[in-house]
N, C-alpha and C. Protein backbone atom coordinates (compact mmCIF):
# COMPACT_ATOMS: atom_id res chain seq x y z
N MET A 1 14.66 25.91 22.99
CA MET A 1 14.87 24.48 23.10
C MET A 1 13.79 23.76 22.30
N GLY A 2 14.14 22.70 21.61
CA GLY A 2 13.19 21.93 20.83
C GLY A 2 13.18 22.29 19.36
N GLN A 3 13.89 23.33 18.97
CA GLN A 3 13.96 23.70 17.56
C GLN A 3 15.38 23.47 17.07
N PHE A 4 15.46 23.02 15.83
CA PHE A 4 16.78 22.81 15.24
C PHE A 4 17.21 24.07 14.50
N SER A 5 18.42 24.48 14.76
CA SER A 5 18.96 25.62 14.02
C SER A 5 19.82 25.09 12.87
N ALA A 6 20.38 25.98 12.11
CA ALA A 6 21.22 25.58 10.98
C ALA A 6 22.45 24.81 11.46
N TRP A 7 22.98 25.17 12.63
CA TRP A 7 24.15 24.46 13.15
C TRP A 7 23.81 23.02 13.50
N HIS A 8 22.65 22.79 14.04
CA HIS A 8 22.25 21.41 14.35
C HIS A 8 22.18 20.56 13.09
N TRP A 9 21.55 21.10 12.03
CA TRP A 9 21.44 20.36 10.79
C TRP A 9 22.81 20.12 10.16
N LEU A 10 23.71 21.07 10.30
CA LEU A 10 25.06 20.91 9.77
C LEU A 10 25.80 19.78 10.51
N ILE A 11 25.62 19.71 11.80
CA ILE A 11 26.25 18.63 12.59
C ILE A 11 25.66 17.28 12.21
N VAL A 12 24.35 17.20 12.03
CA VAL A 12 23.71 15.94 11.62
C VAL A 12 24.22 15.51 10.25
N ALA A 13 24.33 16.44 9.30
CA ALA A 13 24.85 16.11 7.97
C ALA A 13 26.29 15.62 8.05
N ALA A 14 27.11 16.25 8.89
CA ALA A 14 28.51 15.83 9.03
C ALA A 14 28.60 14.42 9.62
N VAL A 15 27.73 14.10 10.56
CA VAL A 15 27.73 12.75 11.14
C VAL A 15 27.36 11.72 10.09
N PHE A 16 26.35 12.03 9.24
CA PHE A 16 25.98 11.11 8.18
C PHE A 16 27.12 10.89 7.20
N VAL A 17 27.81 11.94 6.84
CA VAL A 17 28.93 11.81 5.91
C VAL A 17 30.04 10.98 6.53
N LEU A 18 30.29 11.16 7.82
CA LEU A 18 31.32 10.37 8.50
C LEU A 18 30.94 8.90 8.57
N PHE A 19 29.68 8.62 8.87
CA PHE A 19 29.25 7.21 9.00
C PHE A 19 29.17 6.50 7.66
N PHE A 20 28.59 7.14 6.66
CA PHE A 20 28.32 6.45 5.40
C PHE A 20 29.32 6.77 4.30
N GLY A 21 30.05 7.83 4.41
CA GLY A 21 31.00 8.19 3.37
C GLY A 21 30.34 9.02 2.29
N ALA A 22 31.12 9.82 1.63
CA ALA A 22 30.60 10.73 0.61
C ALA A 22 30.13 9.98 -0.63
N LYS A 23 30.71 8.82 -0.92
CA LYS A 23 30.34 8.07 -2.12
C LYS A 23 28.99 7.38 -1.97
N ARG A 24 28.65 6.95 -0.77
CA ARG A 24 27.40 6.21 -0.57
C ARG A 24 26.19 7.11 -0.38
N MET A 25 26.39 8.36 -0.06
CA MET A 25 25.26 9.26 0.20
C MET A 25 24.36 9.45 -1.01
N PRO A 26 24.87 9.72 -2.22
CA PRO A 26 23.97 9.86 -3.37
C PRO A 26 23.22 8.57 -3.69
N ASP A 27 23.90 7.42 -3.57
CA ASP A 27 23.24 6.14 -3.83
C ASP A 27 22.13 5.88 -2.81
N ALA A 28 22.39 6.21 -1.56
CA ALA A 28 21.38 6.03 -0.51
C ALA A 28 20.18 6.94 -0.76
N ALA A 29 20.42 8.17 -1.16
CA ALA A 29 19.33 9.11 -1.45
C ALA A 29 18.52 8.64 -2.65
N ARG A 30 19.20 8.12 -3.68
CA ARG A 30 18.50 7.59 -4.85
C ARG A 30 17.63 6.40 -4.48
N GLY A 31 18.19 5.50 -3.69
CA GLY A 31 17.42 4.33 -3.25
C GLY A 31 16.22 4.71 -2.40
N LEU A 32 16.40 5.70 -1.53
CA LEU A 32 15.29 6.18 -0.72
C LEU A 32 14.21 6.81 -1.59
N GLY A 33 14.61 7.57 -2.59
CA GLY A 33 13.65 8.18 -3.50
C GLY A 33 12.86 7.15 -4.28
N ARG A 34 13.52 6.12 -4.77
CA ARG A 34 12.83 5.04 -5.48
C ARG A 34 11.85 4.32 -4.58
N SER A 35 12.28 4.04 -3.36
CA SER A 35 11.40 3.35 -2.42
C SER A 35 10.17 4.17 -2.11
N LEU A 36 10.33 5.47 -1.93
CA LEU A 36 9.19 6.33 -1.65
C LEU A 36 8.24 6.42 -2.84
N ARG A 37 8.78 6.46 -4.06
CA ARG A 37 7.92 6.48 -5.25
C ARG A 37 7.11 5.20 -5.36
N ILE A 38 7.74 4.05 -5.13
CA ILE A 38 7.05 2.77 -5.18
C ILE A 38 5.97 2.70 -4.11
N PHE A 39 6.31 3.13 -2.91
CA PHE A 39 5.34 3.12 -1.81
C PHE A 39 4.15 4.01 -2.13
N LYS A 40 4.39 5.19 -2.68
CA LYS A 40 3.32 6.12 -3.01
C LYS A 40 2.41 5.54 -4.09
N SER A 41 2.98 4.91 -5.10
CA SER A 41 2.16 4.33 -6.16
C SER A 41 1.33 3.16 -5.66
N GLU A 42 1.89 2.35 -4.76
CA GLU A 42 1.14 1.23 -4.20
C GLU A 42 -0.01 1.71 -3.32
N VAL A 43 0.23 2.75 -2.54
CA VAL A 43 -0.84 3.29 -1.69
C VAL A 43 -1.96 3.86 -2.55
N SER A 44 -1.63 4.59 -3.60
CA SER A 44 -2.67 5.15 -4.46
C SER A 44 -3.41 4.04 -5.20
N ARG A 45 -2.72 2.98 -5.57
CA ARG A 45 -3.37 1.85 -6.23
C ARG A 45 -4.33 1.15 -5.27
N MET A 46 -3.92 1.00 -4.01
CA MET A 46 -4.81 0.38 -3.02
C MET A 46 -6.05 1.23 -2.79
N GLN A 47 -5.88 2.55 -2.73
CA GLN A 47 -7.02 3.44 -2.52
C GLN A 47 -7.98 3.39 -3.71
N SER A 48 -7.45 3.33 -4.92
CA SER A 48 -8.32 3.26 -6.10
C SER A 48 -9.03 1.91 -6.16
N ASP A 49 -8.36 0.83 -5.75
CA ASP A 49 -9.01 -0.48 -5.70
C ASP A 49 -10.14 -0.49 -4.68
N ASP A 50 -9.93 0.13 -3.52
CA ASP A 50 -10.97 0.20 -2.51
C ASP A 50 -12.16 1.02 -3.00
N ALA A 51 -11.89 2.12 -3.69
CA ALA A 51 -12.98 2.95 -4.22
C ALA A 51 -13.75 2.20 -5.29
N ASP A 52 -13.05 1.46 -6.16
CA ASP A 52 -13.72 0.68 -7.19
C ASP A 52 -14.60 -0.40 -6.58
N ALA A 53 -14.10 -1.06 -5.54
CA ALA A 53 -14.87 -2.11 -4.88
C ALA A 53 -16.11 -1.53 -4.21
N ALA A 54 -16.00 -0.37 -3.59
CA ALA A 54 -17.15 0.27 -2.95
C ALA A 54 -18.18 0.68 -3.99
N ASN A 55 -17.75 1.21 -5.12
CA ASN A 55 -18.69 1.60 -6.18
C ASN A 55 -19.38 0.37 -6.75
N GLU A 56 -18.64 -0.69 -6.94
CA GLU A 56 -19.20 -1.93 -7.47
C GLU A 56 -20.23 -2.52 -6.51
N ARG A 57 -19.92 -2.50 -5.22
CA ARG A 57 -20.81 -3.03 -4.20
C ARG A 57 -22.10 -2.21 -4.15
N SER A 58 -21.99 -0.89 -4.20
CA SER A 58 -23.19 -0.05 -4.15
C SER A 58 -24.01 -0.22 -5.42
N ALA A 59 -23.37 -0.43 -6.55
CA ALA A 59 -24.10 -0.64 -7.80
C ALA A 59 -24.87 -1.96 -7.75
N ARG A 60 -24.27 -3.00 -7.17
CA ARG A 60 -24.96 -4.29 -7.04
C ARG A 60 -26.15 -4.19 -6.09
N GLU A 61 -26.02 -3.41 -5.02
CA GLU A 61 -27.09 -3.30 -4.04
C GLU A 61 -28.27 -2.51 -4.58
N ASN A 62 -28.05 -1.57 -5.46
CA ASN A 62 -29.11 -0.69 -5.94
C ASN A 62 -29.57 -1.02 -7.35
N VAL A 63 -29.37 -2.23 -7.82
CA VAL A 63 -29.77 -2.61 -9.16
C VAL A 63 -31.30 -2.61 -9.24
N GLY A 64 -31.85 -1.91 -10.20
CA GLY A 64 -33.29 -1.89 -10.41
C GLY A 64 -34.03 -0.92 -9.51
N LEU A 65 -33.40 -0.23 -8.63
CA LEU A 65 -34.06 0.72 -7.74
C LEU A 65 -33.79 2.13 -8.22
N PRO A 66 -34.76 3.03 -8.03
CA PRO A 66 -34.48 4.44 -8.36
C PRO A 66 -33.37 4.96 -7.47
N ALA A 67 -32.79 6.06 -7.86
CA ALA A 67 -31.64 6.60 -7.13
C ALA A 67 -32.00 7.00 -5.71
N THR A 68 -33.26 7.42 -5.46
CA THR A 68 -33.62 7.87 -4.12
C THR A 68 -34.16 6.74 -3.25
N ALA A 69 -34.58 5.64 -3.86
CA ALA A 69 -35.17 4.54 -3.09
C ALA A 69 -34.08 3.63 -2.55
N GLN A 70 -34.38 3.02 -1.43
CA GLN A 70 -33.45 2.06 -0.85
C GLN A 70 -34.19 0.76 -0.63
N ALA A 71 -33.48 -0.32 -0.64
CA ALA A 71 -34.09 -1.62 -0.42
C ALA A 71 -34.57 -1.73 1.02
N PRO A 72 -35.76 -2.29 1.25
CA PRO A 72 -36.25 -2.43 2.63
C PRO A 72 -35.41 -3.45 3.38
N ALA A 73 -35.26 -3.20 4.65
CA ALA A 73 -34.47 -4.11 5.49
C ALA A 73 -35.39 -5.21 6.01
N THR A 74 -35.17 -6.44 5.56
CA THR A 74 -35.95 -7.58 6.05
C THR A 74 -35.00 -8.53 6.73
N PRO A 75 -35.24 -8.83 8.00
CA PRO A 75 -34.32 -9.70 8.71
C PRO A 75 -34.42 -11.15 8.25
N PHE A 76 -35.61 -11.58 7.80
CA PHE A 76 -35.79 -12.96 7.38
C PHE A 76 -36.45 -13.00 6.02
N ALA A 77 -36.19 -14.03 5.25
CA ALA A 77 -36.80 -14.17 3.95
C ALA A 77 -38.22 -14.70 4.11
N GLU A 78 -39.11 -14.31 3.20
CA GLU A 78 -40.48 -14.79 3.22
C GLU A 78 -40.49 -16.26 2.79
N PRO A 79 -41.33 -17.09 3.44
CA PRO A 79 -41.39 -18.51 3.04
C PRO A 79 -42.04 -18.64 1.67
N VAL A 80 -41.60 -19.61 0.92
CA VAL A 80 -42.14 -19.86 -0.41
C VAL A 80 -43.29 -20.85 -0.27
N VAL A 81 -44.47 -20.46 -0.76
CA VAL A 81 -45.64 -21.32 -0.70
C VAL A 81 -45.89 -21.87 -2.10
N ARG A 82 -45.86 -23.20 -2.22
CA ARG A 82 -46.07 -23.85 -3.50
C ARG A 82 -47.43 -24.53 -3.49
N PRO A 83 -48.16 -24.40 -4.58
CA PRO A 83 -49.46 -25.09 -4.63
C PRO A 83 -49.26 -26.60 -4.67
N THR A 84 -50.17 -27.32 -4.04
CA THR A 84 -50.09 -28.78 -4.03
C THR A 84 -51.12 -29.35 -4.98
N LYS A 85 -50.84 -30.49 -5.53
CA LYS A 85 -51.78 -31.14 -6.43
C LYS A 85 -52.78 -31.95 -5.62
N THR A 86 -54.00 -31.86 -6.00
CA THR A 86 -55.02 -32.69 -5.34
C THR A 86 -55.41 -33.80 -6.29
N LEU A 87 -55.62 -34.98 -5.76
CA LEU A 87 -55.98 -36.12 -6.60
C LEU A 87 -57.43 -36.31 -6.71
């Protein structure tokens, strides 16, 4: 129980042919194939965009630093002290 045998798959295929007709089955399979190809290309494009953004972000964070050094974590910026003119 729980496994499909060849007879089960044959019955499922016969039901599909009865519902959709023999003429529509190749068109439906073609449309499904096109949709899956488009979906796959969009997913790979999104993954490459995410990888490019991560590389760009890490490159911006490590500008001017050696490969092993990391920027120190400072919670607040140091105040800027400007000299004043005396009269």
